Amino acid sequence: MKKRLGLIYLLCLIFLLNISYGQISPDSKTKISTIDIRNKLLKIYADSLINFKSGDKLPVFLFSEKFDYTCNIPLRNRHSIESLRRFVLLEIKDEEVFEKILFALSKSDKKNIKPDVARIPFSKYSFYELIKIRLEELNNNEGRPVSTDMKR
C-alpha cells in the first residue's frame, strides 16, 4: 500500500512539474527567425570567400555540384527553388575578392562543375561562371544583380 501511495505521489509530482515548467516559452528577444539563420549562414560562406588569400586552398563548397541542396541554408520561401550559390555571391561586393578567386579557380581542373539538377535558377552555370557574372555586375551595374528575381 505504501509503495502505491509513493508511486501515485511521484506521478502527481511529475505531472505538476510538467504543467508548471513544460509550457514556458522562450523570451521574444531570444527568438531567431529562419531569415536570420539564413542570412548568417550565407554570410559565413561569403566570409570564407572574402577571407581567401592567394596561395590558400579554395573553399570546398566551390567544387560541390550539390551545394544548393546540401548546404543547410533555409529557403526564403518553401515553395520556390533558389540558387543559394548565387545568394552567397551576392553577399560579396568587392571585385578584388572575385578576381583572386577566379585566378585560383582558373588553375583548377574542377572549375566547371555544375549542379546536377536543372530546376534551380542559375544551375546551368558553375561557381566559376557565376563569379564571372557577379564580377560583371559589380563592374557595370554598381553591384546590383542583373536578374531581378534573384534580389533579396
Foldseek 3Di string as FASTA:
>chain_A
DVVVVVVVVVVVVVVVVCVVPVPDDDDPVPDDDLVNVLVVLLVVLLVLLVPDDQPDDRDPLLLDLCCQPPSPRDDPDPVAAEDSLLVSLLVDLDLVSLVSVLVVLVPDPRNFRFHPDDRYPPRNGGSSVSSVQQSVCVVPPVSDHPDPVRDD
